[in-house]
Amino acid sequence: MKKTSLTVATLLLAGSVLCTSCIGSFSLFNKYEKWQCNMTKSKIVNGIVGFILQPIVGGVCLFVDAIVLNTIEFWSGNNPVAFNPQTVKGSDGRMYTIRASKTGYEVKDANGVVAMFTHDAENDAWFIEQGGKKAELFRYNADGTIRATLQGGSIVTVSNDEMGLQMVREAVTYDRSYALK
């Protein structure tokens, strides 16, 4: 009787640890699911292969996510699988590869030119670093406004809303790039 009670108590305790409402991002399982749904152009083939792989690979991915990766994400704030690069199309029509890091973003264009966008938590400011040069883009002020640094070096302080964004857009009308000179 005592052995059964101890086993039940152990299982309930283990189950309560897994169900603590710390859900996590389940990045590994989501990447597997995205791959499985898009591995071929045929939905039928994807379904058949998924039906075969899901109990094994999906189960392993789900287990690793729930036990290992989400625990790392809970304690460190970052999921090691979630930092994979994404390719996006910019408003200029060109393709860019964006890789997230703990302090910001690395953006690489099709020609291989890299720009680092980093956040300085102490000053609540965002910087761009390119070609060995670093410049402040903007910072959040204590009064809720934003101080934007334009390419020519002039500083514009605007409100943190649509009107402030429009004022910055107008200030850089003739030179839209933030490339460092």
Protein backbone atom coordinates (compact mmCIF):
# COMPACT_ATOMS: atom_id res chain seq x y z
CA MET A 1 0.00 0.00 0.00
CA LYS A 2 2.81 2.43 0.92
CA LYS A 3 4.67 1.56 -2.31
CA THR A 4 1.60 2.34 -4.44
CA SER A 5 1.03 5.65 -2.62
CA LEU A 6 4.65 6.65 -3.12
CA THR A 7 4.46 5.81 -6.85
CA VAL A 8 1.22 7.77 -7.29
CA ALA A 9 2.64 10.74 -5.36
CA THR A 10 5.81 10.68 -7.48
CA LEU A 11 3.80 10.61 -10.73
CA LEU A 12 1.56 13.45 -9.56
CA LEU A 13 4.57 15.54 -8.55
CA ALA A 14 6.29 14.90 -11.90
CA GLY A 15 3.06 15.75 -13.73
CA SER A 16 2.62 18.96 -11.76
CA VAL A 17 6.14 20.07 -12.68
CA LEU A 18 5.37 19.55 -16.37
CA CYS A 19 2.07 21.45 -16.09
CA THR A 20 3.23 24.62 -14.32
CA SER A 21 1.79 26.89 -17.02
CA CYS A 22 5.29 27.72 -18.26
CA ILE A 23 4.46 26.80 -21.81
CA GLY A 24 7.54 27.92 -23.71
CA SER A 25 7.85 28.45 -27.44
CA PHE A 26 8.32 24.80 -28.52
CA SER A 27 10.66 26.03 -31.28
CA LEU A 28 12.08 22.60 -32.18
CA PHE A 29 8.67 20.98 -32.56
CA ASN A 30 7.35 23.95 -34.56
CA LYS A 31 10.36 23.78 -36.91
CA TYR A 32 9.80 20.04 -37.39
CA GLU A 33 6.10 20.63 -38.08
CA LYS A 34 6.87 23.38 -40.61
CA TRP A 35 9.41 21.14 -42.36
CA GLN A 36 7.02 18.18 -42.38
CA CYS A 37 4.21 20.25 -43.93
CA ASN A 38 6.47 21.77 -46.61
CA MET A 39 8.98 19.00 -47.42
CA THR A 40 7.41 18.35 -50.86
CA LYS A 41 4.90 20.12 -53.06
CA SER A 42 2.42 17.29 -52.61
CA LYS A 43 0.15 17.43 -49.57
CA ILE A 44 -0.52 13.72 -49.94
CA VAL A 45 3.16 12.77 -49.76
CA ASN A 46 3.66 15.19 -46.84
CA GLY A 47 0.71 13.56 -45.05
CA ILE A 48 1.96 10.01 -45.60
CA VAL A 49 5.52 10.80 -44.51
CA GLY A 50 4.17 12.80 -41.57
CA PHE A 51 1.94 9.89 -40.56
CA ILE A 52 5.01 7.63 -40.49
CA LEU A 53 7.41 10.10 -38.82
CA GLN A 54 5.06 11.89 -36.42
CA PRO A 55 4.95 9.25 -33.67
CA ILE A 56 8.74 8.95 -33.58
CA VAL A 57 10.30 12.25 -34.66
CA GLY A 58 7.42 14.43 -33.48
CA GLY A 59 7.42 12.70 -30.11
CA VAL A 60 11.17 13.14 -29.68
CA CYS A 61 10.99 16.81 -30.71
CA LEU A 62 8.09 17.42 -28.33
CA PHE A 63 9.88 15.66 -25.46
CA VAL A 64 13.17 17.55 -26.04
CA ASP A 65 11.26 20.84 -26.27
CA ALA A 66 9.19 20.24 -23.14
CA ILE A 67 11.97 18.93 -20.93
CA VAL A 68 15.22 20.50 -22.18
CA LEU A 69 14.73 23.52 -24.47
CA ASN A 70 11.75 25.09 -22.70
CA THR A 71 13.57 24.69 -19.37
CA ILE A 72 16.59 26.51 -20.84
CA GLU A 73 14.23 29.15 -22.23
CA PHE A 74 12.51 29.55 -18.85
CA TRP A 75 15.73 30.07 -16.88
CA SER A 76 17.79 32.01 -19.47
CA GLY A 77 15.03 33.79 -21.39
CA ASN A 78 16.33 32.44 -24.71
CA ASN A 79 15.55 29.26 -26.61
CA PRO A 80 18.71 27.99 -28.36
CA VAL A 81 16.70 26.70 -31.33
CA ALA A 82 14.82 29.96 -31.84
CA PHE A 83 17.89 31.91 -33.02
CA ASN A 84 17.85 30.63 -36.60
CA PRO A 85 18.07 33.17 -39.42
CA GLN A 86 14.99 34.36 -41.28
CA THR A 87 14.96 35.63 -44.86
CA VAL A 88 12.65 38.56 -45.54
CA LYS A 89 11.92 40.84 -48.47
CA GLY A 90 12.61 44.49 -47.67
CA SER A 91 10.47 47.43 -48.74
CA ASP A 92 13.13 48.08 -51.41
CA GLY A 93 12.38 44.66 -52.99
CA ARG A 94 15.73 43.13 -51.95
CA MET A 95 16.11 39.99 -49.82
CA TYR A 96 17.71 40.21 -46.36
CA THR A 97 18.77 37.52 -43.90
CA ILE A 98 18.06 38.43 -40.28
CA ARG A 99 19.58 36.57 -37.35
CA ALA A 100 18.46 37.41 -33.81
CA SER A 101 20.90 37.43 -30.92
CA LYS A 102 20.68 38.23 -27.23
CA THR A 103 21.55 41.89 -27.81
CA GLY A 104 19.96 42.64 -31.18
CA TYR A 105 19.92 41.63 -34.83
CA GLU A 106 22.37 40.88 -37.62
CA VAL A 107 21.05 41.89 -41.06
CA LYS A 108 22.82 40.66 -44.20
CA ASP A 109 21.84 41.73 -47.71
CA ALA A 110 22.16 39.64 -50.88
CA ASN A 111 25.67 41.04 -51.52
CA GLY A 112 26.89 39.86 -48.11
CA VAL A 113 27.01 43.32 -46.51
CA VAL A 114 26.31 42.93 -42.79
CA ALA A 115 24.78 45.48 -40.43
CA MET A 116 24.43 44.82 -36.70
CA PHE A 117 21.56 46.41 -34.83
CA THR A 118 22.27 46.23 -31.09
CA HIS A 119 20.39 47.38 -28.02
CA ASP A 120 22.16 49.06 -25.11
CA ALA A 121 19.91 48.29 -22.13
CA GLU A 122 21.71 50.75 -19.83
CA ASN A 123 20.84 53.75 -22.04
CA ASP A 124 17.76 52.17 -23.68
CA ALA A 125 19.28 52.97 -27.08
CA TRP A 126 19.59 51.15 -30.43
CA PHE A 127 22.82 51.29 -32.44
CA ILE A 128 23.88 50.27 -35.94
CA GLU A 129 27.36 48.89 -36.59
CA GLN A 130 28.60 48.46 -40.13
CA GLY A 131 32.10 48.36 -41.59
CA GLY A 132 33.70 48.87 -38.17
CA LYS A 133 31.74 52.06 -37.47
CA LYS A 134 29.03 52.38 -34.85
CA ALA A 135 26.33 55.02 -34.56
CA GLU A 136 23.26 55.54 -32.42
CA LEU A 137 19.96 55.27 -34.29
CA PHE A 138 17.58 56.24 -31.50
CA ARG A 139 17.00 56.11 -27.77
CA TYR A 140 13.99 56.19 -25.51
CA ASN A 141 13.96 59.22 -23.22
CA ALA A 142 12.70 59.14 -19.63
CA ASP A 143 9.80 61.45 -20.52
CA GLY A 144 8.43 58.96 -23.09
CA THR A 145 9.79 60.71 -26.17
CA ILE A 146 12.29 59.26 -28.63
CA ARG A 147 15.58 60.89 -29.63
CA ALA A 148 16.44 59.89 -33.22
CA THR A 149 19.89 60.52 -34.66
CA LEU A 150 19.80 61.25 -38.38
CA GLN A 151 22.57 60.27 -40.78
CA GLY A 152 23.97 63.78 -40.97
CA GLY A 153 24.36 63.82 -37.19
CA SER A 154 21.41 66.03 -36.35
CA ILE A 155 19.12 64.91 -33.54
CA VAL A 156 15.33 64.99 -33.62
CA THR A 157 13.21 64.45 -30.51
CA VAL A 158 9.72 63.19 -31.30
CA SER A 159 6.74 61.69 -29.53
CA ASN A 160 6.48 57.89 -29.36
CA ASP A 161 3.47 57.58 -31.68
CA GLU A 162 2.48 57.74 -35.35
CA MET A 163 2.99 61.50 -35.51
CA GLY A 164 6.55 61.15 -34.19
CA LEU A 165 7.30 58.42 -36.71
CA GLN A 166 5.98 60.64 -39.50
CA MET A 167 8.22 63.50 -38.33
CA VAL A 168 11.28 61.23 -38.51
CA ARG A 169 10.25 60.02 -41.98
CA GLU A 170 10.00 63.60 -43.18
CA ALA A 171 13.42 64.40 -41.69
CA VAL A 172 15.08 61.64 -43.73
CA THR A 173 13.10 62.18 -46.95
CA TYR A 174 16.13 62.82 -49.11
CA ASP A 175 18.38 60.19 -47.57
CA ARG A 176 16.54 57.05 -46.42
CA SER A 177 19.56 54.85 -45.68
CA TYR A 178 21.17 54.45 -42.30
CA ALA A 179 24.44 53.29 -43.87
CA LEU A 180 27.37 54.72 -41.98
CA LYS A 181 29.65 57.09 -43.84
